[in-house]
Amino acid sequence: MIRAEPAERQKRIPVVVHAPDPILREGAISQLRRHPEVDLVDEATPHDDGVALLLAESLDQALLSRLRRLVRSEGLRSVLVISLIREAELLDVIESGVGAIVWRHEATSSRLLRAVTAAFHGDGDLPSDLLGRLMNQVSMLRPGAVANPAAQTSHLTPREINVLRLVSEGMDTNEIAEKLSYSERTIKNIMQGLTTRLNLRNRAHAVAYALREGYIS
């Protein structure tokens, strides 16, 4: 007997592609069109329950503002496909609410699908080298620089620390659940609870907070 997938996993993922030129846009759309899990949506179509895929060579203020608007105002998850992120820009990108980042030279069809799926389900997906740079960047900041000042009296529980440590190692929700013998729903609830309590944007922002405050290393 074949077990039915949960409704959450069966749902097609609405994806809208934003690119600086039509060639890049059509290239990304062509890559994503191969996957039946993806429902490509036009930019002009109203949507608030999907993923915005943004392509760029490098970060500028206009792109950062657009990321923030898509995440905070329109309620979309976001995937950033980019060639270069400078050290000084790294925390700005994380705090904008980006759910996944893909280097352009690694942006194959399967890699894009993985990032879109992770962002949509709230798992997060950062390149391993970017996680290392994030750790270095955070280590140079003053205490509390990656979190809301009002949250500084809050503390992480041992269970939250365990989950964040595995997130920092690049594990997704399913892998963390198996490692800790929890359900995927429990892991998601733990992450949602701590990000809401500490006013953090997403998993990457939560990892940055935990690193700087010394909960994980």
Protein backbone atom coordinates (compact mmCIF):
# COMPACT_ATOMS: atom_id res chain seq x y z
CA MET A 1 0.00 0.00 0.00
CA ILE A 2 1.34 3.41 -0.99
CA ARG A 3 1.13 5.94 1.79
CA ALA A 4 -0.26 9.30 0.69
CA GLU A 5 2.00 12.29 1.16
CA PRO A 6 0.78 14.95 3.61
CA ALA A 7 -1.25 17.70 1.93
CA GLU A 8 1.49 20.21 2.79
CA ARG A 9 3.99 18.23 0.69
CA GLN A 10 1.55 17.63 -2.21
CA LYS A 11 0.82 21.30 -2.78
CA ARG A 12 2.41 22.83 -5.87
CA ILE A 13 4.70 25.70 -5.03
CA PRO A 14 3.80 29.06 -6.62
CA VAL A 15 7.01 30.69 -7.85
CA VAL A 16 7.44 34.13 -9.38
CA VAL A 17 10.79 34.88 -11.03
CA HIS A 18 12.35 38.35 -10.80
CA ALA A 19 15.40 39.07 -12.97
CA PRO A 20 17.14 42.18 -14.33
CA ASP A 21 16.75 41.08 -17.94
CA PRO A 22 14.49 38.75 -19.97
CA ILE A 23 17.26 36.29 -20.86
CA LEU A 24 18.03 35.54 -17.22
CA ARG A 25 14.34 35.36 -16.40
CA GLU A 26 13.54 32.94 -19.20
CA GLY A 27 16.55 30.81 -18.28
CA ALA A 28 15.35 30.39 -14.71
CA ILE A 29 11.79 29.74 -15.82
CA SER A 30 13.03 27.07 -18.23
CA GLN A 31 14.92 25.36 -15.42
CA LEU A 32 11.94 25.41 -13.07
CA ARG A 33 9.40 24.37 -15.72
CA ARG A 34 10.92 20.88 -15.67
CA HIS A 35 9.50 20.24 -12.23
CA PRO A 36 5.77 19.49 -11.78
CA GLU A 37 6.05 20.55 -8.13
CA VAL A 38 6.44 24.17 -9.27
CA ASP A 39 3.59 26.43 -10.37
CA LEU A 40 5.15 29.38 -12.23
CA VAL A 41 3.29 32.62 -11.57
CA ASP A 42 3.52 35.87 -13.50
CA GLU A 43 4.77 38.97 -11.66
CA ALA A 44 1.50 40.75 -12.41
CA THR A 45 -0.58 38.02 -10.74
CA PRO A 46 -1.44 38.73 -7.08
CA HIS A 47 -0.08 36.03 -4.77
CA ASP A 48 0.85 35.84 -1.11
CA ASP A 49 1.59 32.19 -0.49
CA GLY A 50 4.55 31.31 -2.62
CA VAL A 51 8.20 31.91 -3.36
CA ALA A 52 9.88 34.85 -5.08
CA LEU A 53 13.03 33.81 -6.94
CA LEU A 54 15.35 36.78 -7.47
CA LEU A 55 18.38 36.65 -9.75
CA ALA A 56 21.22 39.17 -9.60
CA GLU A 57 24.93 39.54 -10.20
CA SER A 58 25.52 41.36 -6.90
CA LEU A 59 23.61 43.10 -4.15
CA ASP A 60 22.62 46.75 -4.24
CA GLN A 61 20.21 48.84 -2.21
CA ALA A 62 17.41 48.47 -4.75
CA LEU A 63 17.64 44.66 -4.61
CA LEU A 64 17.78 44.67 -0.82
CA SER A 65 14.70 46.92 -0.66
CA ARG A 66 12.88 44.64 -3.06
CA LEU A 67 13.72 41.60 -0.96
CA ARG A 68 12.38 43.28 2.16
CA ARG A 69 9.18 44.35 0.39
CA LEU A 70 8.50 40.88 -0.99
CA VAL A 71 9.05 39.22 2.39
CA ARG A 72 7.59 41.76 4.80
CA SER A 73 4.85 43.44 2.77
CA GLU A 74 3.77 40.74 0.33
CA GLY A 75 4.35 37.77 2.64
CA LEU A 76 6.41 35.73 0.18
CA ARG A 77 9.31 33.44 0.94
CA SER A 78 12.35 34.37 -1.07
CA VAL A 79 15.22 32.66 -2.84
CA LEU A 80 18.20 34.75 -3.92
CA VAL A 81 20.32 33.51 -6.83
CA ILE A 82 23.43 35.67 -6.88
CA SER A 83 27.07 35.70 -7.95
CA LEU A 84 28.58 37.79 -5.17
CA ILE A 85 27.76 38.80 -1.61
CA ARG A 86 30.33 41.01 0.11
CA GLU A 87 31.14 40.53 3.79
CA ALA A 88 29.60 43.85 4.77
CA GLU A 89 26.35 42.88 3.05
CA LEU A 90 25.93 39.44 4.55
CA LEU A 91 23.90 40.27 7.64
CA ASP A 92 21.74 42.72 5.68
CA VAL A 93 20.83 39.89 3.32
CA ILE A 94 20.07 37.49 6.18
CA GLU A 95 18.00 40.06 8.05
CA SER A 96 16.00 40.91 4.91
CA GLY A 97 14.25 37.57 5.33
CA VAL A 98 15.84 35.52 2.54
CA GLY A 99 14.87 31.88 2.94
CA ALA A 100 17.50 30.40 0.63
CA ILE A 101 20.57 31.55 -1.26
CA VAL A 102 22.04 29.86 -4.34
CA TRP A 103 25.29 30.82 -6.06
CA ARG A 104 24.61 31.49 -9.74
CA HIS A 105 27.33 29.10 -10.88
CA GLU A 106 25.56 26.32 -8.95
CA ALA A 107 22.03 27.17 -10.13
CA THR A 108 21.13 23.93 -11.87
CA SER A 109 17.53 22.83 -12.26
CA SER A 110 17.72 20.46 -9.28
CA ARG A 111 19.55 23.02 -7.10
CA LEU A 112 16.88 25.66 -7.78
CA LEU A 113 14.12 23.20 -6.94
CA ARG A 114 15.82 22.30 -3.67
CA ALA A 115 16.13 25.97 -2.69
CA VAL A 116 12.54 26.80 -3.66
CA THR A 117 11.20 23.79 -1.75
CA ALA A 118 13.27 24.60 1.33
CA ALA A 119 12.17 28.24 1.35
CA PHE A 120 8.53 27.34 0.83
CA HIS A 121 8.48 24.87 3.71
CA GLY A 122 10.48 27.17 5.99
CA ASP A 123 13.57 24.94 6.07
CA GLY A 124 16.09 27.48 4.80
CA ASP A 125 19.01 26.69 2.51
CA LEU A 126 22.39 28.47 2.58
CA PRO A 127 25.59 27.41 0.82
CA SER A 128 28.04 25.85 3.29
CA ASP A 129 30.72 28.44 2.51
CA LEU A 130 28.24 31.22 3.23
CA LEU A 131 27.43 29.71 6.62
CA GLY A 132 31.15 29.82 7.43
CA ARG A 133 31.35 33.46 6.39
CA LEU A 134 28.27 34.22 8.47
CA MET A 135 29.96 32.74 11.53
CA ASN A 136 33.05 34.87 10.95
CA GLN A 137 30.97 37.99 10.38
CA VAL A 138 28.88 37.46 13.50
CA SER A 139 31.97 36.86 15.64
CA MET A 140 33.10 40.43 14.93
CA LEU A 141 29.84 42.02 16.03
CA ARG A 142 28.99 43.39 19.43
CA PRO A 143 26.60 41.29 21.55
CA GLY A 144 23.02 41.60 20.44
CA ALA A 145 23.78 43.08 17.03
CA VAL A 146 21.84 40.41 15.17
CA ALA A 147 18.68 40.50 17.21
CA ASN A 148 16.07 42.95 18.36
CA PRO A 149 17.39 44.79 21.46
CA ALA A 150 14.09 44.12 23.21
CA ALA A 151 14.78 40.39 22.98
CA GLN A 152 18.08 40.41 24.85
CA THR A 153 16.54 39.24 28.11
CA SER A 154 15.21 36.09 26.37
CA HIS A 155 17.07 32.81 26.59
CA LEU A 156 17.18 29.74 24.40
CA THR A 157 16.13 26.40 25.82
CA PRO A 158 18.38 23.32 25.50
CA ARG A 159 16.01 21.92 22.89
CA GLU A 160 16.16 25.13 20.84
CA ILE A 161 19.96 25.15 21.06
CA ASN A 162 20.14 21.56 19.84
CA VAL A 163 17.93 22.37 16.87
CA LEU A 164 19.88 25.52 15.98
CA ARG A 165 23.20 23.67 16.21
CA LEU A 166 21.97 21.21 13.58
CA VAL A 167 20.58 24.01 11.43
CA SER A 168 24.02 25.63 11.51
CA GLU A 169 25.46 22.35 10.22
CA GLY A 170 23.23 22.58 7.15
CA MET A 171 20.59 20.00 8.10
CA ASP A 172 17.02 20.37 6.91
CA THR A 173 13.85 19.78 8.94
CA ASN A 174 13.61 16.08 8.13
CA GLU A 175 17.26 15.42 8.97
CA ILE A 176 16.99 17.31 12.27
CA ALA A 177 13.82 15.42 13.19
CA GLU A 178 15.54 12.09 12.57
CA LYS A 179 18.67 13.15 14.46
CA LEU A 180 16.72 14.27 17.55
CA SER A 181 13.92 11.68 17.29
CA TYR A 182 11.26 14.37 16.96
CA SER A 183 8.53 14.81 14.37
CA GLU A 184 9.04 17.33 11.58
CA ARG A 185 6.09 19.29 12.99
CA THR A 186 7.84 19.55 16.35
CA ILE A 187 11.01 20.91 14.73
CA LYS A 188 8.99 23.49 12.80
CA ASN A 189 7.15 24.53 15.96
CA ILE A 190 10.45 24.93 17.84
CA MET A 191 11.87 27.13 15.10
CA GLN A 192 8.72 29.19 14.73
CA GLY A 193 8.49 29.69 18.48
CA LEU A 194 12.03 30.98 18.92
CA THR A 195 12.05 33.17 15.81
CA THR A 196 8.75 34.75 16.88
CA ARG A 197 9.84 35.22 20.49
CA LEU A 198 13.15 36.81 19.55
CA ASN A 199 11.75 38.75 16.59
CA LEU A 200 14.15 37.03 14.17
CA ARG A 201 13.51 36.89 10.43
CA ASN A 202 14.19 33.23 9.70
CA ARG A 203 16.46 30.28 10.42
CA ALA A 204 19.62 31.94 9.15
CA HIS A 205 18.94 34.97 11.34
CA ALA A 206 18.30 32.66 14.31
CA VAL A 207 21.63 30.89 13.72
CA ALA A 208 23.41 34.25 13.58
CA TYR A 209 21.81 35.24 16.89
CA ALA A 210 22.74 31.95 18.56
CA LEU A 211 26.33 32.19 17.33
CA ARG A 212 26.84 35.73 18.55
CA GLU A 213 25.25 35.12 21.92
CA GLY A 214 27.44 32.07 22.48
CA TYR A 215 24.72 29.41 22.45
CA ILE A 216 26.44 27.53 19.63
CA SER A 217 29.94 27.68 18.16
